[in-house]
């Protein structure tokens, strides 16, 4: 019974002495919080695509493609680069912080 209560409390994040030596606070949240700032970059492609009047035109053309089409295609490539950048920046921060604390609740 006590083990079930510990498992439920651990799942809720309320157990003292689980992941950080008994202080009852979570470690690594500062690193995760700072890595979340990179997520704001993901709004750039969304803003660029949602604002249709800014690119709803024919000129200038690129290789006989109207601006409307090549602008959107360009943002597909830019979005891939931004997504990769955000992934690697947030992965590096979270991997460093996760090495500092043990994973899992197995005994």
PDB file of N, CA and C in Angstrom:
ATOM      1  N   UNK A   1       0.813  -1.194   0.000  1.00  0.00           N
ATOM      2  CA  UNK A   1       0.000   0.000   0.000  1.00  0.00           C
ATOM      3  C   UNK A   1       0.858   1.260   0.000  1.00  0.00           C
ATOM      4  N   UNK A   2       1.913   1.270   0.808  1.00  0.00           N
ATOM      5  CA  UNK A   2       2.771   2.449   0.870  1.00  0.00           C
ATOM      6  C   UNK A   2       3.455   2.687  -0.461  1.00  0.00           C
ATOM      7  N   UNK A   3       3.792   1.597  -1.154  1.00  0.00           N
ATOM      8  CA  UNK A   3       4.437   1.727  -2.458  1.00  0.00           C
ATOM      9  C   UNK A   3       3.486   2.369  -3.459  1.00  0.00           C
ATOM     10  N   UNK A   4       2.202   2.008  -3.426  1.00  0.00           N
ATOM     11  CA  UNK A   4       1.218   2.612  -4.317  1.00  0.00           C
ATOM     12  C   UNK A   4       1.059   4.102  -4.043  1.00  0.00           C
ATOM     13  N   UNK A   5       1.056   4.475  -2.778  1.00  0.00           N
ATOM     14  CA  UNK A   5       0.937   5.892  -2.419  1.00  0.00           C
ATOM     15  C   UNK A   5       2.162   6.659  -2.886  1.00  0.00           C
ATOM     16  N   UNK A   6       3.360   6.045  -2.751  1.00  0.00           N
ATOM     17  CA  UNK A   6       4.588   6.693  -3.231  1.00  0.00           C
ATOM     18  C   UNK A   6       4.557   6.871  -4.736  1.00  0.00           C
ATOM     19  N   UNK A   7       4.064   5.877  -5.451  1.00  0.00           N
ATOM     20  CA  UNK A   7       4.007   5.956  -6.913  1.00  0.00           C
ATOM     21  C   UNK A   7       3.046   7.057  -7.362  1.00  0.00           C
ATOM     22  N   UNK A   8       1.911   7.165  -6.685  1.00  0.00           N
ATOM     23  CA  UNK A   8       0.952   8.212  -7.045  1.00  0.00           C
ATOM     24  C   UNK A   8       1.503   9.596  -6.746  1.00  0.00           C
ATOM     25  N   UNK A   9       2.156   9.745  -5.595  1.00  0.00           N
ATOM     26  CA  UNK A   9       2.729  11.037  -5.231  1.00  0.00           C
ATOM     27  C   UNK A   9       3.892  11.382  -6.150  1.00  0.00           C
ATOM     28  N   UNK A  10       4.688  10.386  -6.538  1.00  0.00           N
ATOM     29  CA  UNK A  10       5.809  10.623  -7.448  1.00  0.00           C
ATOM     30  C   UNK A  10       5.306  11.059  -8.810  1.00  0.00           C
ATOM     31  N   UNK A  11       4.202  10.454  -9.261  1.00  0.00           N
ATOM     32  CA  UNK A  11       3.625  10.844 -10.547  1.00  0.00           C
ATOM     33  C   UNK A  11       3.129  12.282 -10.504  1.00  0.00           C
ATOM     34  N   UNK A  12       2.680  12.716  -9.348  1.00  0.00           N
ATOM     35  CA  UNK A  12       2.207  14.089  -9.204  1.00  0.00           C
ATOM     36  C   UNK A  12       3.342  15.059  -8.932  1.00  0.00           C
ATOM     37  N   UNK A  13       4.561  14.543  -8.679  1.00  0.00           N
ATOM     38  CA  UNK A  13       5.708  15.411  -8.433  1.00  0.00           C
ATOM     39  C   UNK A  13       5.785  15.934  -7.013  1.00  0.00           C
ATOM     40  N   UNK A  14       5.171  15.235  -6.067  1.00  0.00           N
ATOM     41  CA  UNK A  14       5.113  15.732  -4.701  1.00  0.00           C
ATOM     42  C   UNK A  14       5.996  14.969  -3.724  1.00  0.00           C
ATOM     43  N   UNK A  15       6.790  14.023  -4.165  1.00  0.00           N
ATOM     44  CA  UNK A  15       7.579  13.207  -3.254  1.00  0.00           C
ATOM     45  C   UNK A  15       8.892  13.897  -2.952  1.00  0.00           C
ATOM     46  N   UNK A  16       9.206  13.996  -1.675  1.00  0.00           N
ATOM     47  CA  UNK A  16      10.499  14.543  -1.286  1.00  0.00           C
ATOM     48  C   UNK A  16      11.530  13.426  -1.352  1.00  0.00           C
ATOM     49  N   UNK A  17      12.721  13.809  -1.832  1.00  0.00           N
ATOM     50  CA  UNK A  17      13.804  12.851  -1.833  1.00  0.00           C
ATOM     51  C   UNK A  17      13.817  11.931  -3.033  1.00  0.00           C
ATOM     52  N   UNK A  18      13.171  12.281  -4.116  1.00  0.00           N
ATOM     53  CA  UNK A  18      13.145  11.370  -5.249  1.00  0.00           C
ATOM     54  C   UNK A  18      14.255  11.653  -6.242  1.00  0.00           C
ATOM     55  N   UNK A  19      14.325  12.821  -6.803  1.00  0.00           N
ATOM     56  CA  UNK A  19      15.260  13.046  -7.895  1.00  0.00           C
ATOM     57  C   UNK A  19      16.405  13.982  -7.534  1.00  0.00           C
ATOM     58  N   UNK A  20      16.393  14.550  -6.343  1.00  0.00           N
ATOM     59  CA  UNK A  20      17.400  15.566  -6.067  1.00  0.00           C
ATOM     60  C   UNK A  20      17.949  15.515  -4.653  1.00  0.00           C
ATOM     61  N   UNK A  21      17.950  14.378  -4.073  1.00  0.00           N
ATOM     62  CA  UNK A  21      18.589  14.242  -2.776  1.00  0.00           C
ATOM     63  C   UNK A  21      17.752  14.675  -1.593  1.00  0.00           C
ATOM     64  N   UNK A  22      16.444  14.765  -1.719  1.00  0.00           N
ATOM     65  CA  UNK A  22      15.603  15.004  -0.569  1.00  0.00           C
ATOM     66  C   UNK A  22      15.152  16.428  -0.361  1.00  0.00           C
ATOM     67  N   UNK A  23      15.400  17.333  -1.281  1.00  0.00           N
ATOM     68  CA  UNK A  23      14.990  18.714  -1.049  1.00  0.00           C
ATOM     69  C   UNK A  23      13.543  18.962  -1.428  1.00  0.00           C
ATOM     70  N   UNK A  24      12.976  18.102  -2.268  1.00  0.00           N
ATOM     71  CA  UNK A  24      11.579  18.266  -2.623  1.00  0.00           C
ATOM     72  C   UNK A  24      11.355  19.259  -3.750  1.00  0.00           C
ATOM     73  N   UNK A  25      12.394  19.853  -4.293  1.00  0.00           N
ATOM     74  CA  UNK A  25      12.248  20.757  -5.422  1.00  0.00           C
ATOM     75  C   UNK A  25      12.784  20.089  -6.664  1.00  0.00           C
ATOM     76  N   UNK A  26      12.309  20.531  -7.791  1.00  0.00           N
ATOM     77  CA  UNK A  26      12.759  19.946  -9.045  1.00  0.00           C
ATOM     78  C   UNK A  26      13.983  20.677  -9.550  1.00  0.00           C
ATOM     79  N   UNK A  27      14.947  19.902 -10.018  1.00  0.00           N
ATOM     80  CA  UNK A  27      16.153  20.505 -10.574  1.00  0.00           C
ATOM     81  C   UNK A  27      16.047  20.537 -12.079  1.00  0.00           C
ATOM     82  N   UNK A  28      16.810  21.424 -12.695  1.00  0.00           N
ATOM     83  CA  UNK A  28      16.833  21.505 -14.143  1.00  0.00           C
ATOM     84  C   UNK A  28      15.738  22.355 -14.741  1.00  0.00           C
ATOM     85  N   UNK A  29      14.858  22.923 -13.938  1.00  0.00           N
ATOM     86  CA  UNK A  29      13.775  23.713 -14.507  1.00  0.00           C
ATOM     87  C   UNK A  29      14.296  25.013 -15.097  1.00  0.00           C
ATOM     88  N   UNK A  30      15.373  25.561 -14.547  1.00  0.00           N
ATOM     89  CA  UNK A  30      15.944  26.782 -15.103  1.00  0.00           C
ATOM     90  C   UNK A  30      16.480  26.560 -16.502  1.00  0.00           C
ATOM     91  N   UNK A  31      17.136  25.428 -16.723  1.00  0.00           N
ATOM     92  CA  UNK A  31      17.656  25.101 -18.051  1.00  0.00           C
ATOM     93  C   UNK A  31      16.512  24.872 -19.031  1.00  0.00           C
ATOM     94  N   UNK A  32      15.465  24.196 -18.581  1.00  0.00           N
ATOM     95  CA  UNK A  32      14.325  23.966 -19.462  1.00  0.00           C
ATOM     96  C   UNK A  32      13.610  25.265 -19.779  1.00  0.00           C
ATOM     97  N   UNK A  33      13.525  26.147 -18.803  1.00  0.00           N
ATOM     98  CA  UNK A  33      12.850  27.420 -19.015  1.00  0.00           C
ATOM     99  C   UNK A  33      13.607  28.272 -20.024  1.00  0.00           C
ATOM    100  N   UNK A  34      14.936  28.301 -19.925  1.00  0.00           N
ATOM    101  CA  UNK A  34      15.714  29.105 -20.870  1.00  0.00           C
ATOM    102  C   UNK A  34      15.703  28.493 -22.254  1.00  0.00           C
ATOM    103  N   UNK A  35      15.597  27.175 -22.345  1.00  0.00           N
ATOM    104  CA  UNK A  35      15.552  26.562 -23.666  1.00  0.00           C
ATOM    105  C   UNK A  35      14.198  26.794 -24.339  1.00  0.00           C
ATOM    106  N   UNK A  36      13.185  27.087 -23.569  1.00  0.00           N
ATOM    107  CA  UNK A  36      11.872  27.340 -24.158  1.00  0.00           C
ATOM    108  C   UNK A  36      11.805  28.674 -24.893  1.00  0.00           C
ATOM    109  N   UNK A  37      12.761  29.555 -24.645  1.00  0.00           N
ATOM    110  CA  UNK A  37      12.780  30.824 -25.372  1.00  0.00           C
ATOM    111  C   UNK A  37      13.025  30.605 -26.858  1.00  0.00           C
ATOM    112  N   UNK A  38      13.719  29.534 -27.192  1.00  0.00           N
ATOM    113  CA  UNK A  38      13.965  29.227 -28.605  1.00  0.00           C
ATOM    114  C   UNK A  38      12.664  28.901 -29.337  1.00  0.00           C
ATOM    115  N   UNK A  39      11.660  28.452 -28.618  1.00  0.00           N
ATOM    116  CA  UNK A  39      10.387  28.083 -29.251  1.00  0.00           C
ATOM    117  C   UNK A  39       9.676  29.272 -29.889  1.00  0.00           C
ATOM    118  N   UNK A  40      10.002  30.486 -29.451  1.00  0.00           N
ATOM    119  CA  UNK A  40       9.384  31.672 -30.041  1.00  0.00           C
ATOM    120  C   UNK A  40       9.735  31.814 -31.516  1.00  0.00           C
ATOM    121  N   UNK A  41      10.865  31.258 -31.929  1.00  0.00           N
ATOM    122  CA  UNK A  41      11.238  31.319 -33.346  1.00  0.00           C
ATOM    123  C   UNK A  41      10.252  30.580 -34.240  1.00  0.00           C
ATOM    124  N   UNK A  42       9.551  29.624 -33.681  1.00  0.00           N
ATOM    125  CA  UNK A  42       8.590  28.858 -34.470  1.00  0.00           C
ATOM    126  C   UNK A  42       7.381  29.695 -34.889  1.00  0.00           C
ATOM    127  N   UNK A  43       7.215  30.849 -34.288  1.00  0.00           N
ATOM    128  CA  UNK A  43       6.115  31.732 -34.684  1.00  0.00           C
ATOM    129  C   UNK A  43       6.397  32.478 -35.991  1.00  0.00           C
ATOM    130  N   UNK A  44       7.663  32.632 -36.344  1.00  0.00           N
ATOM    131  CA  UNK A  44       8.002  33.388 -37.556  1.00  0.00           C
ATOM    132  C   UNK A  44       7.362  32.814 -38.817  1.00  0.00           C
ATOM    133  N   UNK A  45       7.482  31.512 -39.097  1.00  0.00           N
ATOM    134  CA  UNK A  45       6.819  30.989 -40.294  1.00  0.00           C
ATOM    135  C   UNK A  45       5.298  31.131 -40.245  1.00  0.00           C
ATOM    136  N   UNK A  46       4.749  30.963 -39.067  1.00  0.00           N
ATOM    137  CA  UNK A  46       3.300  31.082 -38.944  1.00  0.00           C
ATOM    138  C   UNK A  46       2.847  32.509 -39.270  1.00  0.00           C
ATOM    139  N   UNK A  47       3.546  33.485 -38.731  1.00  0.00           N
ATOM    140  CA  UNK A  47       3.204  34.885 -39.002  1.00  0.00           C
ATOM    141  C   UNK A  47       3.379  35.201 -40.485  1.00  0.00           C
ATOM    142  N   UNK A  48       4.470  34.716 -41.060  1.00  0.00           N
ATOM    143  CA  UNK A  48       4.735  34.990 -42.475  1.00  0.00           C
ATOM    144  C   UNK A  48       3.664  34.394 -43.379  1.00  0.00           C
ATOM    145  N   UNK A  49       3.118  33.251 -43.009  1.00  0.00           N
ATOM    146  CA  UNK A  49       2.116  32.594 -43.855  1.00  0.00           C
ATOM    147  C   UNK A  49       0.693  33.063 -43.571  1.00  0.00           C
ATOM    148  N   UNK A  50       0.417  33.467 -42.365  1.00  0.00           N
ATOM    149  CA  UNK A  50      -0.949  33.862 -42.024  1.00  0.00           C
ATOM    150  C   UNK A  50      -1.285  35.253 -42.560  1.00  0.00           C
ATOM    151  N   UNK A  51      -0.262  36.046 -42.807  1.00  0.00           N
ATOM    152  CA  UNK A  51      -0.461  37.405 -43.299  1.00  0.00           C
ATOM    153  C   UNK A  51      -0.424  37.405 -44.837  1.00  0.00           C
ATOM    154  N   UNK A  52      -1.478  36.879 -45.444  1.00  0.00           N
ATOM    155  CA  UNK A  52      -1.548  36.666 -46.897  1.00  0.00           C
ATOM    156  C   UNK A  52      -1.457  37.961 -47.695  1.00  0.00           C
ATOM    157  N   UNK A  53      -2.058  39.068 -47.306  1.00  0.00           N
ATOM    158  CA  UNK A  53      -1.955  40.280 -48.138  1.00  0.00           C
ATOM    159  C   UNK A  53      -0.516  40.751 -48.374  1.00  0.00           C
ATOM    160  N   UNK A  54       0.415  40.340 -47.523  1.00  0.00           N
ATOM    161  CA  UNK A  54       1.799  40.771 -47.717  1.00  0.00           C
ATOM    162  C   UNK A  54       2.466  40.088 -48.903  1.00  0.00           C
ATOM    163  N   UNK A  55       1.979  38.926 -49.320  1.00  0.00           N
ATOM    164  CA  UNK A  55       2.604  38.229 -50.446  1.00  0.00           C
ATOM    165  C   UNK A  55       1.605  37.857 -51.545  1.00  0.00           C
ATOM    166  N   UNK A  56       0.428  38.417 -51.515  1.00  0.00           N
ATOM    167  CA  UNK A  56      -0.596  38.135 -52.518  1.00  0.00           C
ATOM    168  C   UNK A  56      -0.391  39.035 -53.740  1.00  0.00           C
ATOM    169  N   UNK A  57       0.661  38.710 -54.516  1.00  0.00           N
ATOM    170  CA  UNK A  57       0.959  39.471 -55.721  1.00  0.00           C
ATOM    171  C   UNK A  57       1.720  38.589 -56.699  1.00  0.00           C
ATOM    172  N   UNK A  58       1.805  39.046 -57.935  1.00  0.00           N
ATOM    173  CA  UNK A  58       2.448  38.275 -58.987  1.00  0.00           C
ATOM    174  C   UNK A  58       3.918  38.647 -59.122  1.00  0.00           C
ATOM    175  N   UNK A  59       4.213  39.906 -59.047  1.00  0.00           N
ATOM    176  CA  UNK A  59       5.588  40.380 -59.228  1.00  0.00           C
ATOM    177  C   UNK A  59       6.288  40.494 -57.884  1.00  0.00           C
ATOM    178  N   UNK A  60       7.546  40.255 -57.772  1.00  0.00           N
ATOM    179  CA  UNK A  60       8.524  39.825 -58.772  1.00  0.00           C
ATOM    180  C   UNK A  60       8.452  38.317 -59.010  1.00  0.00           C
ATOM    181  N   UNK A  61       8.739  37.928 -60.226  1.00  0.00           N
ATOM    182  CA  UNK A  61       8.743  36.515 -60.576  1.00  0.00           C
ATOM    183  C   UNK A  61      10.157  35.948 -60.461  1.00  0.00           C
ATOM    184  N   UNK A  62      10.219  34.669 -60.140  1.00  0.00           N
ATOM    185  CA  UNK A  62      11.487  33.972 -60.032  1.00  0.00           C
ATOM    186  C   UNK A  62      11.367  32.682 -60.833  1.00  0.00           C
ATOM    187  N   UNK A  63      12.142  32.568 -61.912  1.00  0.00           N
ATOM    188  CA  UNK A  63      12.074  31.412 -62.830  1.00  0.00           C
ATOM    189  C   UNK A  63      10.644  31.178 -63.318  1.00  0.00           C
ATOM    190  N   UNK A  64       9.969  32.247 -63.680  1.00  0.00           N
ATOM    191  CA  UNK A  64       8.599  32.255 -64.213  1.00  0.00           C
ATOM    192  C   UNK A  64       7.545  31.847 -63.175  1.00  0.00           C
ATOM    193  N   UNK A  65       7.918  31.791 -61.919  1.00  0.00           N
ATOM    194  CA  UNK A  65       6.956  31.528 -60.847  1.00  0.00           C
ATOM    195  C   UNK A  65       6.544  32.856 -60.234  1.00  0.00           C
ATOM    196  N   UNK A  66       5.231  33.071 -60.075  1.00  0.00           N
ATOM    197  CA  UNK A  66       4.778  34.293 -59.401  1.00  0.00           C
ATOM    198  C   UNK A  66       5.266  34.350 -57.952  1.00  0.00           C
ATOM    199  N   UNK A  67       5.373  35.549 -57.460  1.00  0.00           N
ATOM    200  CA  UNK A  67       5.843  35.773 -56.091  1.00  0.00           C
ATOM    201  C   UNK A  67       5.023  34.985 -55.087  1.00  0.00           C
ATOM    202  N   UNK A  68       3.728  34.887 -55.297  1.00  0.00           N
ATOM    203  CA  UNK A  68       2.834  34.184 -54.377  1.00  0.00           C
ATOM    204  C   UNK A  68       3.305  32.761 -54.119  1.00  0.00           C
ATOM    205  N   UNK A  69       3.771  32.076 -55.155  1.00  0.00           N
ATOM    206  CA  UNK A  69       4.176  30.677 -55.024  1.00  0.00           C
ATOM    207  C   UNK A  69       5.588  30.523 -54.486  1.00  0.00           C
ATOM    208  N   UNK A  70       6.545  31.271 -55.047  1.00  0.00           N
ATOM    209  CA  UNK A  70       7.916  31.048 -54.596  1.00  0.00           C
ATOM    210  C   UNK A  70       8.157  31.583 -53.191  1.00  0.00           C
ATOM    211  N   UNK A  71       7.382  32.568 -52.769  1.00  0.00           N
ATOM    212  CA  UNK A  71       7.484  33.061 -51.390  1.00  0.00           C
ATOM    213  C   UNK A  71       7.085  31.962 -50.405  1.00  0.00           C
ATOM    214  N   UNK A  72       5.992  31.274 -50.707  1.00  0.00           N
ATOM    215  CA  UNK A  72       5.543  30.196 -49.823  1.00  0.00           C
ATOM    216  C   UNK A  72       6.527  29.028 -49.827  1.00  0.00           C
ATOM    217  N   UNK A  73       7.056  28.709 -50.998  1.00  0.00           N
ATOM    218  CA  UNK A  73       8.041  27.634 -51.079  1.00  0.00           C
ATOM    219  C   UNK A  73       9.318  27.993 -50.317  1.00  0.00           C
ATOM    220  N   UNK A  74       9.717  29.235 -50.393  1.00  0.00           N
ATOM    221  CA  UNK A  74      10.874  29.695 -49.642  1.00  0.00           C
ATOM    222  C   UNK A  74      10.643  29.534 -48.141  1.00  0.00           C
ATOM    223  N   UNK A  75       9.442  29.827 -47.686  1.00  0.00           N
ATOM    224  CA  UNK A  75       9.142  29.685 -46.265  1.00  0.00           C
ATOM    225  C   UNK A  75       9.090  28.229 -45.822  1.00  0.00           C
ATOM    226  N   UNK A  76       8.831  27.311 -46.722  1.00  0.00           N
ATOM    227  CA  UNK A  76       8.921  25.890 -46.372  1.00  0.00           C
ATOM    228  C   UNK A  76      10.359  25.557 -46.000  1.00  0.00           C
ATOM    229  N   UNK A  77      11.308  26.027 -46.800  1.00  0.00           N
ATOM    230  CA  UNK A  77      12.721  25.786 -46.517  1.00  0.00           C
ATOM    231  C   UNK A  77      13.176  26.514 -45.251  1.00  0.00           C
ATOM    232  N   UNK A  78      12.761  27.766 -45.108  1.00  0.00           N
ATOM    233  CA  UNK A  78      13.121  28.538 -43.909  1.00  0.00           C
ATOM    234  C   UNK A  78      12.539  27.876 -42.661  1.00  0.00           C
ATOM    235  N   UNK A  79      11.318  27.385 -42.766  1.00  0.00           N
ATOM    236  CA  UNK A  79      10.680  26.714 -41.623  1.00  0.00           C
ATOM    237  C   UNK A  79      11.444  25.464 -41.220  1.00  0.00           C
ATOM    238  N   UNK A  80      11.940  24.726 -42.191  1.00  0.00           N
ATOM    239  CA  UNK A  80      12.721  23.524 -41.880  1.00  0.00           C
ATOM    240  C   UNK A  80      14.005  23.896 -41.139  1.00  0.00           C
ATOM    241  N   UNK A  81      14.662  24.954 -41.577  1.00  0.00           N
ATOM    242  CA  UNK A  81      15.893  25.396 -40.917  1.00  0.00           C
ATOM    243  C   UNK A  81      15.596  25.885 -39.500  1.00  0.00           C
ATOM    244  N   UNK A  82      14.538  26.662 -39.338  1.00  0.00           N
ATOM    245  CA  UNK A  82      14.165  27.169 -38.010  1.00  0.00           C
ATOM    246  C   UNK A  82      13.795  26.023 -37.089  1.00  0.00           C
ATOM    247  N   UNK A  83      13.039  25.058 -37.590  1.00  0.00           N
ATOM    248  CA  UNK A  83      12.641  23.915 -36.777  1.00  0.00           C
ATOM    249  C   UNK A  83      13.857  23.109 -36.336  1.00  0.00           C
ATOM    250  N   UNK A  84      14.804  22.883 -37.246  1.00  0.00           N
ATOM    251  CA  UNK A  84      16.019  22.156 -36.883  1.00  0.00           C
ATOM    252  C   UNK A  84      16.827  22.932 -35.846  1.00  0.00           C
ATOM    253  N   UNK A  85      16.948  24.238 -36.024  1.00  0.00           N
ATOM    254  CA  UNK A  85      17.679  25.070 -35.072  1.00  0.00           C
ATOM    255  C   UNK A  85      17.052  24.992 -33.683  1.00  0.00           C
ATOM    256  N   UNK A  86      15.742  25.151 -33.620  1.00  0.00           N
ATOM    257  CA  UNK A  86      15.041  25.096 -32.329  1.00  0.00           C
ATOM    258  C   UNK A  86      15.183  23.714 -31.706  1.00  0.00           C
ATOM    259  N   UNK A  87      15.091  22.675 -32.523  1.00  0.00           N
ATOM    260  CA  UNK A  87      15.228  21.312 -32.006  1.00  0.00           C
ATOM    261  C   UNK A  87      16.595  21.105 -31.367  1.00  0.00           C
ATOM    262  N   UNK A  88      17.652  21.468 -32.078  1.00  0.00           N
ATOM    263  CA  UNK A  88      18.991  21.231 -31.551  1.00  0.00           C
ATOM    264  C   UNK A  88      19.307  22.125 -30.353  1.00  0.00           C
ATOM    265  N   UNK A  89      18.820  23.346 -30.351  1.00  0.00           N
ATOM    266  CA  UNK A  89      19.062  24.226 -29.210  1.00  0.00           C
ATOM    267  C   UNK A  89      18.316  23.740 -27.968  1.00  0.00           C
ATOM    268  N   UNK A  90      17.096  23.286 -28.121  1.00  0.00           N
ATOM    269  CA  UNK A  90      16.336  22.819 -26.964  1.00  0.00           C
ATOM    270  C   UNK A  90      16.770  21.423 -26.552  1.00  0.00           C
ATOM    271  N   UNK A  91      17.187  20.593 -27.481  1.00  0.00           N
ATOM    272  CA  UNK A  91      17.655  19.245 -27.148  1.00  0.00           C
ATOM    273  C   UNK A  91      18.960  19.310 -26.375  1.00  0.00           C
ATOM    274  N   UNK A  92      19.868  20.171 -26.774  1.00  0.00           N
ATOM    275  CA  UNK A  92      21.154  20.285 -26.098  1.00  0.00           C
ATOM    276  C   UNK A  92      20.965  20.743 -24.659  1.00  0.00           C
ATOM    277  N   UNK A  93      20.090  21.689 -24.435  1.00  0.00           N
ATOM    278  CA  UNK A  93      19.851  22.185 -23.079  1.00  0.00           C
ATOM    279  C   UNK A  93      19.186  21.110 -22.221  1.00  0.00           C
ATOM    280  N   UNK A  94      18.184  20.429 -22.753  1.00  0.00           N
ATOM    281  CA  UNK A  94      17.483  19.440 -21.947  1.00  0.00           C
ATOM    282  C   UNK A  94      18.332  18.203 -21.723  1.00  0.00           C
ATOM    283  N   UNK A  95      19.218  17.846 -22.667  1.00  0.00           N
ATOM    284  CA  UNK A  95      20.089  16.693 -22.476  1.00  0.00           C
ATOM    285  C   UNK A  95      21.099  16.973 -21.372  1.00  0.00           C
ATOM    286  N   UNK A  96      21.613  18.199 -21.305  1.00  0.00           N
ATOM    287  CA  UNK A  96      22.559  18.554 -20.248  1.00  0.00           C
ATOM    288  C   UNK A  96      21.883  18.524 -18.879  1.00  0.00           C
ATOM    289  N   UNK A  97      20.664  19.022 -18.809  1.00  0.00           N
ATOM    290  CA  UNK A  97      19.983  19.060 -17.516  1.00  0.00           C
ATOM    291  C   UNK A  97      19.498  17.678 -17.101  1.00  0.00           C
ATOM    292  N   UNK A  98      19.187  16.799 -18.065  1.00  0.00           N
ATOM    293  CA  UNK A  98      18.708  15.470 -17.693  1.00  0.00           C
ATOM    294  C   UNK A  98      19.843  14.575 -17.225  1.00  0.00           C
ATOM    295  N   UNK A  99      21.091  14.853 -17.603  1.00  0.00           N
ATOM    296  CA  UNK A  99      22.215  14.065 -17.126  1.00  0.00           C
ATOM    297  C   UNK A  99      22.490  14.342 -15.650  1.00  0.00           C
ATOM    298  N   UNK A 100      22.090  15.489 -15.175  1.00  0.00           N
ATOM    299  CA  UNK A 100      22.353  15.872 -13.783  1.00  0.00           C
ATOM    300  C   UNK A 100      21.437  15.130 -12.822  1.00  0.00           C
ATOM    301  N   UNK A 101      20.293  14.679 -13.276  1.00  0.00           N
ATOM    302  CA  UNK A 101      19.359  14.013 -12.380  1.00  0.00           C
ATOM    303  C   UNK A 101      19.025  12.632 -12.936  1.00  0.00           C
ATOM    304  N   UNK A 102      18.817  11.655 -12.075  1.00  0.00           N
ATOM    305  CA  UNK A 102      18.488  10.308 -12.541  1.00  0.00           C
ATOM    306  C   UNK A 102      17.102  10.277 -13.153  1.00  0.00           C
ATOM    307  N   UNK A 103      16.920   9.368 -14.088  1.00  0.00           N
ATOM    308  CA  UNK A 103      15.626   9.226 -14.771  1.00  0.00           C
ATOM    309  C   UNK A 103      14.877   8.032 -14.211  1.00  0.00           C
ATOM    310  N   UNK A 104      13.588   8.102 -14.264  1.00  0.00           N
ATOM    311  CA  UNK A 104      12.743   6.975 -13.860  1.00  0.00           C
ATOM    312  C   UNK A 104      12.551   6.885 -12.364  1.00  0.00           C
ATOM    313  N   UNK A 105      11.627   6.038 -11.970  1.00  0.00           N
ATOM    314  CA  UNK A 105      11.338   5.872 -10.554  1.00  0.00           C
ATOM    315  C   UNK A 105      11.563   4.453 -10.074  1.00  0.00           C
ATOM    316  N   UNK A 106      12.327   3.644 -10.836  1.00  0.00           N
ATOM    317  CA  UNK A 106      12.556   2.256 -10.448  1.00  0.00           C
ATOM    318  C   UNK A 106      13.426   2.187  -9.198  1.00  0.00           C
ATOM    319  N   UNK A 107      13.174   1.198  -8.387  1.00  0.00           N
ATOM    320  CA  UNK A 107      13.944   1.045  -7.158  1.00  0.00           C
ATOM    321  C   UNK A 107      14.817  -0.159  -7.222  1.00  0.00           C
TER     322      UNK A 107
END
